Each structure stands twice: as C-alpha cells, then as structure tokens.
Amino acid sequence: MAKLIYSMLASLDGYVADEQGDFSWAAPDEEVHAFINQLERRVGTMLLGRRMYEVLSAWEDMELEGEPAPIAEYKDLWLATDKVVYSSRAPEIRTARTQLERGFDAEAVRVWKASAERDLSIGGPTLAAHALMAGLVDEIRLFLAPVIVGGGLRALPHGYRTSLELMDQRRFAGGFVMLDYRTA
C-alpha cells in the first residue's frame, strides 16, 4: 500500500502564503531543492489543488538554461509524475499526464492508495485539509522557512488534531528546517 504524503513549504508560524498571497519567501535554495527532489523520486502521483497546480504547471515548459542542476532535475520529476487536479472551477489543463477531478472523494483516494505501487503526494493546503480531516494522510512533511509572516493561508487546517511521530528532521545551511512526521 502506498503512502499519502503532505509536503509543504511554510513559514515558521505555519503559513504557506502571507495575507497578500505572496509566497516568494518560501523559495527553496539549491540545497533544499536537491533534498526535495530526492524525496519526490518516490512519488508516482501528485494530487493538487487548483492554485497549487497553476503554480507548479510552469515546470511543464520552463526554460532552464543556466539554472542549477536541482532545478532541471525537478522539471524531469514533474514531467515523469502523474498529476490529478481537484477543482470545481475547471482550470486550463495544459500539462501531460494530468487529469481533472471536480471534487475530493476521500473513498476514491483511499482505494487509490491501497492499489498504488508508488507513493502519492498531496499539494496545496486547501486540498490537503480534506485529506487530513478524512484521516488519509500518512506523513506530514513541513519545510519551515526562516521567516514569520504573521498571517495568511495556513499550512494545516484549523481544528485538525492528531498525534504525530517524528520520523526525520534536517537543518539546511540557508536556515530552512525539515520536519517529517508520521500521523497516528
């Protein structure tokens, strides 16, 4: 059975975007990007909310000349991974290996996890909230940026409670910290 992993870049105070919707402060440096790539190699399918898809779909045809190796490697990972976009408002699907689902169906994801050969990741805090509340997420992996933004879009949903077991932690030279927890 595959795991469903929620992996997100967030501020130290737990936001993925500030009150103006800016998330540029969460851009990973080369070291963090290379580490994320290593983790993403295990993922066969990305479950994405509409906004997360719109941000990440830039990887489909991004020009990478002169970019560091981890950036080019992430593009290869993106292109090789299946993607499922959840949105009631139909976004323009402009990427290969991508399907659209109109709404989140917890039971369908449960069945998918049971039959998948590779792990699934879930991206976007709004979509992840549905999976967290349904008890579907096996791991929560937060990359905490060395910044406090004071408000905005939360990485974890209000009212969500569960016990966690710390599986891994890592400090990066640029100040990021990764915390990887198994859910109860």
N, C-alpha and C. Protein backbone atom coordinates (compact mmCIF):
# COMPACT_ATOMS: atom_id res chain seq x y z
N MET A 1 0.85 -1.18 0.00
CA MET A 1 0.00 0.00 0.00
C MET A 1 0.89 1.24 0.00
N ALA A 2 0.53 2.18 -0.82
CA ALA A 2 1.28 3.44 -0.94
C ALA A 2 0.91 4.38 0.20
N LYS A 3 1.79 5.32 0.48
CA LYS A 3 1.53 6.36 1.47
C LYS A 3 1.04 7.61 0.76
N LEU A 4 0.24 8.39 1.47
CA LEU A 4 -0.14 9.73 1.02
C LEU A 4 0.63 10.71 1.88
N ILE A 5 1.46 11.53 1.23
CA ILE A 5 2.38 12.43 1.91
C ILE A 5 2.00 13.87 1.61
N TYR A 6 1.79 14.64 2.67
CA TYR A 6 1.56 16.07 2.53
C TYR A 6 2.89 16.77 2.80
N SER A 7 3.45 17.38 1.79
CA SER A 7 4.73 18.06 1.88
C SER A 7 4.52 19.51 1.49
N MET A 8 4.99 20.43 2.36
CA MET A 8 4.71 21.84 2.10
C MET A 8 5.82 22.71 2.65
N LEU A 9 6.11 23.78 1.92
CA LEU A 9 7.00 24.84 2.40
C LEU A 9 6.14 25.82 3.19
N ALA A 10 6.59 26.20 4.37
CA ALA A 10 5.78 27.08 5.21
C ALA A 10 6.68 28.01 6.01
N SER A 11 6.09 29.09 6.49
CA SER A 11 6.79 29.99 7.40
C SER A 11 6.86 29.33 8.77
N LEU A 12 7.72 29.85 9.62
CA LEU A 12 7.84 29.29 10.96
C LEU A 12 6.51 29.35 11.72
N ASP A 13 5.69 30.36 11.43
CA ASP A 13 4.40 30.46 12.10
C ASP A 13 3.28 29.72 11.35
N GLY A 14 3.65 28.90 10.37
CA GLY A 14 2.70 27.95 9.80
C GLY A 14 1.87 28.40 8.61
N TYR A 15 2.37 29.34 7.83
CA TYR A 15 1.63 29.82 6.67
C TYR A 15 2.37 29.48 5.38
N VAL A 16 1.61 29.14 4.33
CA VAL A 16 2.22 28.85 3.03
C VAL A 16 2.24 30.08 2.13
N ALA A 17 1.42 31.06 2.45
CA ALA A 17 1.40 32.35 1.76
C ALA A 17 0.99 33.39 2.79
N ASP A 18 1.48 34.61 2.63
CA ASP A 18 1.12 35.65 3.59
C ASP A 18 -0.25 36.22 3.26
N GLU A 19 -0.66 37.25 3.98
CA GLU A 19 -2.00 37.82 3.81
C GLU A 19 -2.23 38.43 2.43
N GLN A 20 -1.15 38.76 1.71
CA GLN A 20 -1.29 39.29 0.35
C GLN A 20 -1.17 38.18 -0.69
N GLY A 21 -1.03 36.94 -0.26
CA GLY A 21 -0.90 35.82 -1.18
C GLY A 21 0.53 35.58 -1.65
N ASP A 22 1.49 36.32 -1.11
CA ASP A 22 2.89 36.17 -1.51
C ASP A 22 3.51 34.96 -0.82
N PHE A 23 4.24 34.17 -1.59
CA PHE A 23 4.96 33.04 -1.04
C PHE A 23 6.40 33.01 -1.53
N SER A 24 6.88 34.13 -2.06
CA SER A 24 8.24 34.19 -2.59
C SER A 24 9.29 33.92 -1.51
N TRP A 25 8.96 34.23 -0.26
CA TRP A 25 9.86 33.97 0.86
C TRP A 25 10.10 32.48 1.08
N ALA A 26 9.30 31.62 0.48
CA ALA A 26 9.42 30.16 0.67
C ALA A 26 10.22 29.50 -0.44
N ALA A 27 10.78 30.27 -1.35
CA ALA A 27 11.55 29.67 -2.45
C ALA A 27 12.74 28.90 -1.89
N PRO A 28 12.82 27.62 -2.21
CA PRO A 28 13.93 26.82 -1.67
C PRO A 28 15.24 27.14 -2.38
N ASP A 29 16.35 27.10 -1.64
CA ASP A 29 17.66 27.26 -2.26
C ASP A 29 18.07 25.92 -2.88
N GLU A 30 19.25 25.87 -3.46
CA GLU A 30 19.70 24.65 -4.16
C GLU A 30 19.75 23.44 -3.23
N GLU A 31 20.23 23.63 -2.02
CA GLU A 31 20.35 22.50 -1.09
C GLU A 31 18.97 21.93 -0.75
N VAL A 32 18.02 22.80 -0.43
CA VAL A 32 16.67 22.35 -0.10
C VAL A 32 16.02 21.71 -1.33
N HIS A 33 16.19 22.33 -2.49
CA HIS A 33 15.61 21.81 -3.73
C HIS A 33 16.14 20.41 -4.03
N ALA A 34 17.43 20.20 -3.88
CA ALA A 34 18.02 18.89 -4.13
C ALA A 34 17.45 17.84 -3.18
N PHE A 35 17.24 18.22 -1.93
CA PHE A 35 16.67 17.30 -0.95
C PHE A 35 15.22 16.97 -1.29
N ILE A 36 14.46 17.98 -1.68
CA ILE A 36 13.06 17.75 -2.09
C ILE A 36 13.03 16.81 -3.29
N ASN A 37 13.92 17.01 -4.24
CA ASN A 37 13.98 16.12 -5.41
C ASN A 37 14.20 14.67 -4.99
N GLN A 38 15.09 14.47 -4.05
CA GLN A 38 15.38 13.12 -3.57
C GLN A 38 14.10 12.48 -3.02
N LEU A 39 13.32 13.23 -2.28
CA LEU A 39 12.07 12.71 -1.71
C LEU A 39 11.01 12.48 -2.79
N GLU A 40 10.97 13.37 -3.78
CA GLU A 40 9.94 13.29 -4.84
C GLU A 40 10.14 12.09 -5.77
N ARG A 41 11.33 11.53 -5.80
CA ARG A 41 11.58 10.37 -6.67
C ARG A 41 10.68 9.18 -6.30
N ARG A 42 10.22 9.14 -5.08
CA ARG A 42 9.37 8.02 -4.61
C ARG A 42 7.89 8.22 -4.95
N VAL A 43 7.55 9.39 -5.47
CA VAL A 43 6.15 9.73 -5.72
C VAL A 43 5.77 9.39 -7.15
N GLY A 44 4.67 8.65 -7.30
CA GLY A 44 4.17 8.31 -8.62
C GLY A 44 3.06 9.23 -9.08
N THR A 45 2.30 9.80 -8.11
CA THR A 45 1.17 10.65 -8.44
C THR A 45 1.09 11.82 -7.48
N MET A 46 0.88 13.00 -8.04
CA MET A 46 0.66 14.21 -7.24
C MET A 46 -0.82 14.56 -7.28
N LEU A 47 -1.42 14.74 -6.12
CA LEU A 47 -2.78 15.25 -6.01
C LEU A 47 -2.64 16.74 -5.71
N LEU A 48 -3.23 17.57 -6.55
CA LEU A 48 -3.00 19.01 -6.45
C LEU A 48 -4.31 19.80 -6.43
N GLY A 49 -4.36 20.79 -5.58
CA GLY A 49 -5.44 21.76 -5.66
C GLY A 49 -5.22 22.66 -6.86
N ARG A 50 -6.25 23.39 -7.24
CA ARG A 50 -6.18 24.23 -8.44
C ARG A 50 -5.04 25.24 -8.38
N ARG A 51 -4.94 25.98 -7.29
CA ARG A 51 -3.90 27.02 -7.21
C ARG A 51 -2.50 26.42 -7.21
N MET A 52 -2.32 25.30 -6.50
CA MET A 52 -1.01 24.66 -6.49
C MET A 52 -0.66 24.16 -7.90
N TYR A 53 -1.65 23.63 -8.60
CA TYR A 53 -1.43 23.18 -9.97
C TYR A 53 -1.01 24.35 -10.86
N GLU A 54 -1.71 25.48 -10.73
CA GLU A 54 -1.39 26.64 -11.56
C GLU A 54 0.04 27.11 -11.32
N VAL A 55 0.51 27.05 -10.08
CA VAL A 55 1.89 27.44 -9.77
C VAL A 55 2.88 26.42 -10.36
N LEU A 56 2.63 25.13 -10.08
CA LEU A 56 3.58 24.10 -10.48
C LEU A 56 3.57 23.80 -11.98
N SER A 57 2.48 24.08 -12.66
CA SER A 57 2.40 23.76 -14.10
C SER A 57 3.43 24.53 -14.92
N ALA A 58 4.01 25.57 -14.35
CA ALA A 58 5.07 26.31 -15.04
C ALA A 58 6.26 25.41 -15.36
N TRP A 59 6.43 24.32 -14.58
CA TRP A 59 7.54 23.40 -14.81
C TRP A 59 7.41 22.67 -16.14
N GLU A 60 6.22 22.61 -16.69
CA GLU A 60 5.98 21.84 -17.91
C GLU A 60 6.85 22.32 -19.07
N ASP A 61 6.97 23.63 -19.22
CA ASP A 61 7.71 24.16 -20.36
C ASP A 61 8.70 25.26 -19.94
N MET A 62 9.14 25.21 -18.70
CA MET A 62 10.06 26.20 -18.18
C MET A 62 11.42 26.08 -18.88
N GLU A 63 11.98 27.22 -19.27
CA GLU A 63 13.33 27.26 -19.82
C GLU A 63 14.32 27.19 -18.67
N LEU A 64 15.28 26.30 -18.77
CA LEU A 64 16.17 26.07 -17.64
C LEU A 64 17.64 26.32 -17.94
N GLU A 65 17.93 26.90 -19.10
CA GLU A 65 19.33 27.17 -19.43
C GLU A 65 19.95 28.06 -18.36
N GLY A 66 21.08 27.63 -17.84
CA GLY A 66 21.79 28.40 -16.83
C GLY A 66 21.28 28.18 -15.41
N GLU A 67 20.23 27.39 -15.24
CA GLU A 67 19.71 27.12 -13.90
C GLU A 67 20.53 26.03 -13.22
N PRO A 68 20.56 26.02 -11.91
CA PRO A 68 21.29 24.97 -11.18
C PRO A 68 20.70 23.58 -11.45
N ALA A 69 21.52 22.56 -11.27
CA ALA A 69 21.11 21.18 -11.54
C ALA A 69 19.83 20.75 -10.82
N PRO A 70 19.62 21.11 -9.54
CA PRO A 70 18.39 20.66 -8.87
C PRO A 70 17.12 21.19 -9.54
N ILE A 71 17.21 22.35 -10.16
CA ILE A 71 16.05 22.92 -10.84
C ILE A 71 15.71 22.08 -12.07
N ALA A 72 16.71 21.77 -12.88
CA ALA A 72 16.49 20.93 -14.07
C ALA A 72 16.00 19.54 -13.67
N GLU A 73 16.53 19.02 -12.59
CA GLU A 73 16.11 17.70 -12.14
C GLU A 73 14.65 17.71 -11.71
N TYR A 74 14.21 18.78 -11.04
CA TYR A 74 12.81 18.84 -10.62
C TYR A 74 11.88 18.85 -11.83
N LYS A 75 12.28 19.54 -12.88
CA LYS A 75 11.45 19.54 -14.09
C LYS A 75 11.29 18.12 -14.61
N ASP A 76 12.37 17.34 -14.64
CA ASP A 76 12.28 15.95 -15.08
C ASP A 76 11.33 15.15 -14.20
N LEU A 77 11.39 15.37 -12.88
CA LEU A 77 10.49 14.68 -11.96
C LEU A 77 9.04 15.07 -12.22
N TRP A 78 8.82 16.37 -12.44
CA TRP A 78 7.46 16.86 -12.73
C TRP A 78 6.91 16.19 -13.97
N LEU A 79 7.70 16.16 -15.03
CA LEU A 79 7.23 15.59 -16.29
C LEU A 79 6.95 14.09 -16.19
N ALA A 80 7.65 13.39 -15.31
CA ALA A 80 7.51 11.94 -15.18
C ALA A 80 6.41 11.51 -14.21
N THR A 81 5.81 12.46 -13.52
CA THR A 81 4.82 12.14 -12.48
C THR A 81 3.40 12.37 -12.99
N ASP A 82 2.51 11.45 -12.63
CA ASP A 82 1.08 11.64 -12.92
C ASP A 82 0.55 12.72 -11.99
N LYS A 83 -0.42 13.49 -12.49
CA LYS A 83 -0.98 14.58 -11.71
C LYS A 83 -2.50 14.51 -11.76
N VAL A 84 -3.13 14.73 -10.60
CA VAL A 84 -4.59 14.82 -10.52
C VAL A 84 -4.90 16.18 -9.91
N VAL A 85 -5.68 16.98 -10.63
CA VAL A 85 -6.04 18.33 -10.18
C VAL A 85 -7.48 18.31 -9.70
N TYR A 86 -7.69 18.76 -8.48
CA TYR A 86 -9.03 18.83 -7.89
C TYR A 86 -9.50 20.27 -7.93
N SER A 87 -10.61 20.50 -8.64
CA SER A 87 -11.14 21.85 -8.73
C SER A 87 -12.57 21.82 -9.23
N SER A 88 -13.45 22.57 -8.55
CA SER A 88 -14.82 22.71 -9.05
C SER A 88 -14.87 23.74 -10.17
N ARG A 89 -13.89 24.65 -10.20
CA ARG A 89 -13.76 25.61 -11.29
C ARG A 89 -12.69 25.07 -12.22
N ALA A 90 -13.07 24.67 -13.40
CA ALA A 90 -12.17 23.98 -14.31
C ALA A 90 -10.98 24.85 -14.71
N PRO A 91 -9.80 24.52 -14.19
CA PRO A 91 -8.62 25.23 -14.65
C PRO A 91 -8.23 24.71 -16.03
N GLU A 92 -7.45 25.49 -16.73
CA GLU A 92 -6.93 25.03 -18.01
C GLU A 92 -5.87 23.96 -17.72
N ILE A 93 -6.14 22.74 -18.17
CA ILE A 93 -5.18 21.65 -18.01
C ILE A 93 -4.24 21.73 -19.20
N ARG A 94 -2.99 22.12 -18.93
CA ARG A 94 -2.04 22.34 -20.01
C ARG A 94 -0.80 21.47 -19.86
N THR A 95 -0.90 20.46 -19.01
CA THR A 95 0.25 19.61 -18.75
C THR A 95 -0.06 18.16 -19.09
N ALA A 96 0.97 17.42 -19.48
CA ALA A 96 0.82 16.00 -19.79
C ALA A 96 0.59 15.22 -18.50
N ARG A 97 0.06 14.02 -18.66
CA ARG A 97 -0.12 13.09 -17.53
C ARG A 97 -0.99 13.69 -16.43
N THR A 98 -2.00 14.48 -16.82
CA THR A 98 -2.82 15.20 -15.86
C THR A 98 -4.30 14.93 -16.10
N GLN A 99 -5.01 14.66 -15.01
CA GLN A 99 -6.47 14.51 -15.10
C GLN A 99 -7.13 15.47 -14.12
N LEU A 100 -8.38 15.82 -14.40
CA LEU A 100 -9.14 16.76 -13.59
C LEU A 100 -10.23 16.01 -12.85
N GLU A 101 -10.36 16.29 -11.56
CA GLU A 101 -11.46 15.78 -10.73
C GLU A 101 -12.22 16.99 -10.20
N ARG A 102 -13.54 16.95 -10.27
CA ARG A 102 -14.37 18.10 -9.86
C ARG A 102 -14.46 18.28 -8.35
N GLY A 103 -14.24 17.20 -7.60
CA GLY A 103 -14.33 17.31 -6.15
C GLY A 103 -13.52 16.21 -5.49
N PHE A 104 -13.16 16.45 -4.24
CA PHE A 104 -12.36 15.48 -3.49
C PHE A 104 -13.26 14.36 -2.99
N ASP A 105 -12.89 13.14 -3.31
CA ASP A 105 -13.63 11.95 -2.89
C ASP A 105 -12.69 11.11 -2.03
N ALA A 106 -12.89 11.18 -0.71
CA ALA A 106 -11.99 10.51 0.24
C ALA A 106 -11.94 9.01 -0.01
N GLU A 107 -13.07 8.40 -0.30
CA GLU A 107 -13.08 6.95 -0.51
C GLU A 107 -12.31 6.57 -1.77
N ALA A 108 -12.42 7.36 -2.81
CA ALA A 108 -11.67 7.09 -4.04
C ALA A 108 -10.17 7.19 -3.77
N VAL A 109 -9.74 8.16 -2.97
CA VAL A 109 -8.32 8.30 -2.64
C VAL A 109 -7.87 7.11 -1.78
N ARG A 110 -8.72 6.67 -0.86
CA ARG A 110 -8.40 5.51 -0.02
C ARG A 110 -8.15 4.28 -0.89
N VAL A 111 -9.02 4.04 -1.86
CA VAL A 111 -8.87 2.90 -2.78
C VAL A 111 -7.60 3.06 -3.61
N TRP A 112 -7.36 4.27 -4.08
CA TRP A 112 -6.18 4.57 -4.89
C TRP A 112 -4.90 4.26 -4.12
N LYS A 113 -4.85 4.71 -2.85
CA LYS A 113 -3.68 4.43 -2.01
C LYS A 113 -3.44 2.93 -1.88
N ALA A 114 -4.51 2.19 -1.70
CA ALA A 114 -4.40 0.75 -1.49
C ALA A 114 -3.87 0.02 -2.71
N SER A 115 -4.09 0.57 -3.89
CA SER A 115 -3.68 -0.12 -5.11
C SER A 115 -2.44 0.47 -5.78
N ALA A 116 -1.99 1.63 -5.31
CA ALA A 116 -0.84 2.30 -5.95
C ALA A 116 0.47 1.59 -5.63
N GLU A 117 1.34 1.56 -6.61
CA GLU A 117 2.66 0.95 -6.43
C GLU A 117 3.68 1.95 -5.88
N ARG A 118 3.44 3.23 -6.12
CA ARG A 118 4.34 4.27 -5.63
C ARG A 118 3.54 5.24 -4.78
N ASP A 119 4.24 5.97 -3.92
CA ASP A 119 3.57 6.90 -3.02
C ASP A 119 2.84 8.00 -3.78
N LEU A 120 1.88 8.60 -3.11
CA LEU A 120 1.14 9.74 -3.61
C LEU A 120 1.50 10.94 -2.75
N SER A 121 1.57 12.11 -3.37
CA SER A 121 1.77 13.34 -2.59
C SER A 121 0.53 14.20 -2.78
N ILE A 122 0.28 15.04 -1.80
CA ILE A 122 -0.84 15.96 -1.91
C ILE A 122 -0.30 17.36 -1.71
N GLY A 123 -0.63 18.25 -2.62
CA GLY A 123 -0.09 19.59 -2.60
C GLY A 123 -1.18 20.63 -2.61
N GLY A 124 -1.00 21.61 -1.77
CA GLY A 124 -1.98 22.68 -1.63
C GLY A 124 -2.68 22.50 -0.30
N PRO A 125 -2.64 23.50 0.56
CA PRO A 125 -3.20 23.35 1.91
C PRO A 125 -4.71 23.17 1.94
N THR A 126 -5.43 23.71 0.99
CA THR A 126 -6.88 23.56 1.00
C THR A 126 -7.26 22.13 0.66
N LEU A 127 -6.65 21.57 -0.39
CA LEU A 127 -6.90 20.17 -0.73
C LEU A 127 -6.39 19.25 0.37
N ALA A 128 -5.21 19.52 0.88
CA ALA A 128 -4.64 18.68 1.94
C ALA A 128 -5.54 18.66 3.17
N ALA A 129 -6.22 19.77 3.46
CA ALA A 129 -7.12 19.82 4.61
C ALA A 129 -8.19 18.74 4.51
N HIS A 130 -8.74 18.53 3.31
CA HIS A 130 -9.75 17.48 3.12
C HIS A 130 -9.17 16.11 3.44
N ALA A 131 -7.97 15.84 2.94
CA ALA A 131 -7.34 14.54 3.16
C ALA A 131 -6.94 14.37 4.63
N LEU A 132 -6.43 15.42 5.25
CA LEU A 132 -6.07 15.35 6.67
C LEU A 132 -7.29 15.06 7.52
N MET A 133 -8.36 15.80 7.31
CA MET A 133 -9.58 15.62 8.09
C MET A 133 -10.21 14.24 7.87
N ALA A 134 -10.00 13.66 6.69
CA ALA A 134 -10.53 12.31 6.39
C ALA A 134 -9.61 11.20 6.90
N GLY A 135 -8.47 11.58 7.49
CA GLY A 135 -7.54 10.58 8.02
C GLY A 135 -6.77 9.84 6.96
N LEU A 136 -6.57 10.44 5.79
CA LEU A 136 -5.89 9.77 4.68
C LEU A 136 -4.39 10.02 4.62
N VAL A 137 -3.92 11.07 5.27
CA VAL A 137 -2.51 11.46 5.16
C VAL A 137 -1.66 10.62 6.11
N ASP A 138 -0.64 9.98 5.56
CA ASP A 138 0.25 9.12 6.34
C ASP A 138 1.45 9.88 6.89
N GLU A 139 1.90 10.89 6.16
CA GLU A 139 3.06 11.68 6.58
C GLU A 139 2.79 13.16 6.33
N ILE A 140 3.24 13.97 7.27
CA ILE A 140 3.23 15.42 7.11
C ILE A 140 4.68 15.87 7.13
N ARG A 141 5.10 16.46 6.03
CA ARG A 141 6.50 16.88 5.88
C ARG A 141 6.50 18.38 5.64
N LEU A 142 6.95 19.13 6.65
CA LEU A 142 6.98 20.58 6.53
C LEU A 142 8.42 21.06 6.39
N PHE A 143 8.63 21.93 5.43
CA PHE A 143 9.90 22.62 5.24
C PHE A 143 9.66 24.04 5.75
N LEU A 144 10.19 24.33 6.93
CA LEU A 144 9.94 25.62 7.56
C LEU A 144 10.99 26.63 7.14
N ALA A 145 10.52 27.72 6.55
CA ALA A 145 11.40 28.81 6.11
C ALA A 145 11.73 29.69 7.31
N PRO A 146 12.91 30.29 7.30
CA PRO A 146 13.31 31.15 8.42
C PRO A 146 12.66 32.54 8.32
N VAL A 147 11.34 32.55 8.43
CA VAL A 147 10.58 33.80 8.35
C VAL A 147 9.27 33.62 9.11
N ILE A 148 8.79 34.70 9.69
CA ILE A 148 7.46 34.74 10.31
C ILE A 148 6.67 35.78 9.53
N VAL A 149 5.49 35.38 9.01
CA VAL A 149 4.73 36.29 8.15
C VAL A 149 3.48 36.86 8.84
N GLY A 150 3.08 36.31 9.99
CA GLY A 150 2.02 36.90 10.78
C GLY A 150 0.59 36.60 10.37
N GLY A 151 0.37 35.90 9.29
CA GLY A 151 -0.98 35.56 8.86
C GLY A 151 -1.00 35.20 7.39
N GLY A 152 -2.13 34.66 6.96
CA GLY A 152 -2.27 34.28 5.56
C GLY A 152 -2.94 32.93 5.42
N LEU A 153 -2.48 32.15 4.47
CA LEU A 153 -3.03 30.82 4.18
C LEU A 153 -2.30 29.79 5.03
N ARG A 154 -3.04 29.12 5.90
CA ARG A 154 -2.44 28.18 6.85
C ARG A 154 -1.98 26.90 6.16
N ALA A 155 -0.86 26.34 6.62
CA ALA A 155 -0.37 25.07 6.10
C ALA A 155 -1.21 23.91 6.61
N LEU A 156 -1.72 24.02 7.82
CA LEU A 156 -2.54 22.97 8.43
C LEU A 156 -3.91 23.55 8.78
N PRO A 157 -4.96 22.75 8.61
CA PRO A 157 -6.31 23.30 8.80
C PRO A 157 -6.65 23.57 10.26
N HIS A 158 -7.43 24.61 10.45
CA HIS A 158 -7.95 24.95 11.78
C HIS A 158 -8.80 23.78 12.28
N GLY A 159 -8.60 23.39 13.52
CA GLY A 159 -9.41 22.34 14.11
C GLY A 159 -8.89 20.93 13.90
N TYR A 160 -7.84 20.78 13.12
CA TYR A 160 -7.28 19.44 12.87
C TYR A 160 -6.41 19.04 14.05
N ARG A 161 -6.66 17.85 14.60
CA ARG A 161 -5.88 17.34 15.72
C ARG A 161 -5.50 15.90 15.44
N THR A 162 -4.24 15.57 15.69
CA THR A 162 -3.78 14.18 15.62
C THR A 162 -2.45 14.08 16.34
N SER A 163 -2.11 12.90 16.77
CA SER A 163 -0.79 12.65 17.35
C SER A 163 0.17 12.39 16.21
N LEU A 164 1.41 12.78 16.43
CA LEU A 164 2.42 12.62 15.39
C LEU A 164 3.65 11.93 15.97
N GLU A 165 4.35 11.20 15.11
CA GLU A 165 5.61 10.58 15.47
C GLU A 165 6.69 11.16 14.56
N LEU A 166 7.70 11.79 15.15
CA LEU A 166 8.79 12.38 14.38
C LEU A 166 9.60 11.27 13.74
N MET A 167 9.68 11.28 12.41
CA MET A 167 10.43 10.27 11.68
C MET A 167 11.79 10.80 11.25
N ASP A 168 11.86 12.10 10.90
CA ASP A 168 13.10 12.66 10.41
C ASP A 168 13.08 14.16 10.62
N GLN A 169 14.27 14.72 10.70
CA GLN A 169 14.43 16.17 10.78
C GLN A 169 15.73 16.52 10.11
N ARG A 170 15.78 17.73 9.57
CA ARG A 170 17.02 18.14 8.90
C ARG A 170 17.12 19.65 8.92
N ARG A 171 18.32 20.13 9.19
CA ARG A 171 18.63 21.56 9.11
C ARG A 171 19.39 21.81 7.84
N PHE A 172 19.09 22.94 7.20
CA PHE A 172 19.77 23.33 5.97
C PHE A 172 20.56 24.62 6.22
N ALA A 173 21.65 24.78 5.48
CA ALA A 173 22.56 25.91 5.68
C ALA A 173 21.85 27.26 5.57
N GLY A 174 20.86 27.37 4.68
CA GLY A 174 20.18 28.64 4.47
C GLY A 174 19.14 28.97 5.53
N GLY A 175 18.95 28.10 6.53
CA GLY A 175 18.01 28.37 7.61
C GLY A 175 16.73 27.57 7.58
N PHE A 176 16.44 26.88 6.47
CA PHE A 176 15.27 26.02 6.43
C PHE A 176 15.46 24.84 7.38
N VAL A 177 14.34 24.32 7.89
CA VAL A 177 14.32 23.12 8.70
C VAL A 177 13.22 22.22 8.14
N MET A 178 13.53 20.93 7.96
CA MET A 178 12.51 19.97 7.52
C MET A 178 12.12 19.10 8.71
N LEU A 179 10.82 18.97 8.92
CA LEU A 179 10.27 18.09 9.94
C LEU A 179 9.36 17.10 9.24
N ASP A 180 9.60 15.82 9.43
CA ASP A 180 8.82 14.76 8.79
C ASP A 180 8.16 13.92 9.87
N TYR A 181 6.83 13.94 9.89
CA TYR A 181 6.06 13.24 10.90
C TYR A 181 5.17 12.16 10.30
N ARG A 182 5.04 11.05 10.99
CA ARG A 182 4.04 10.03 10.65
C ARG A 182 2.80 10.38 11.46
N THR A 183 1.63 10.31 10.83
CA THR A 183 0.38 10.59 11.55
C THR A 183 -0.05 9.35 12.32
N ALA A 184 -0.87 9.59 13.35
CA ALA A 184 -1.33 8.48 14.20
C ALA A 184 -2.33 7.61 13.45
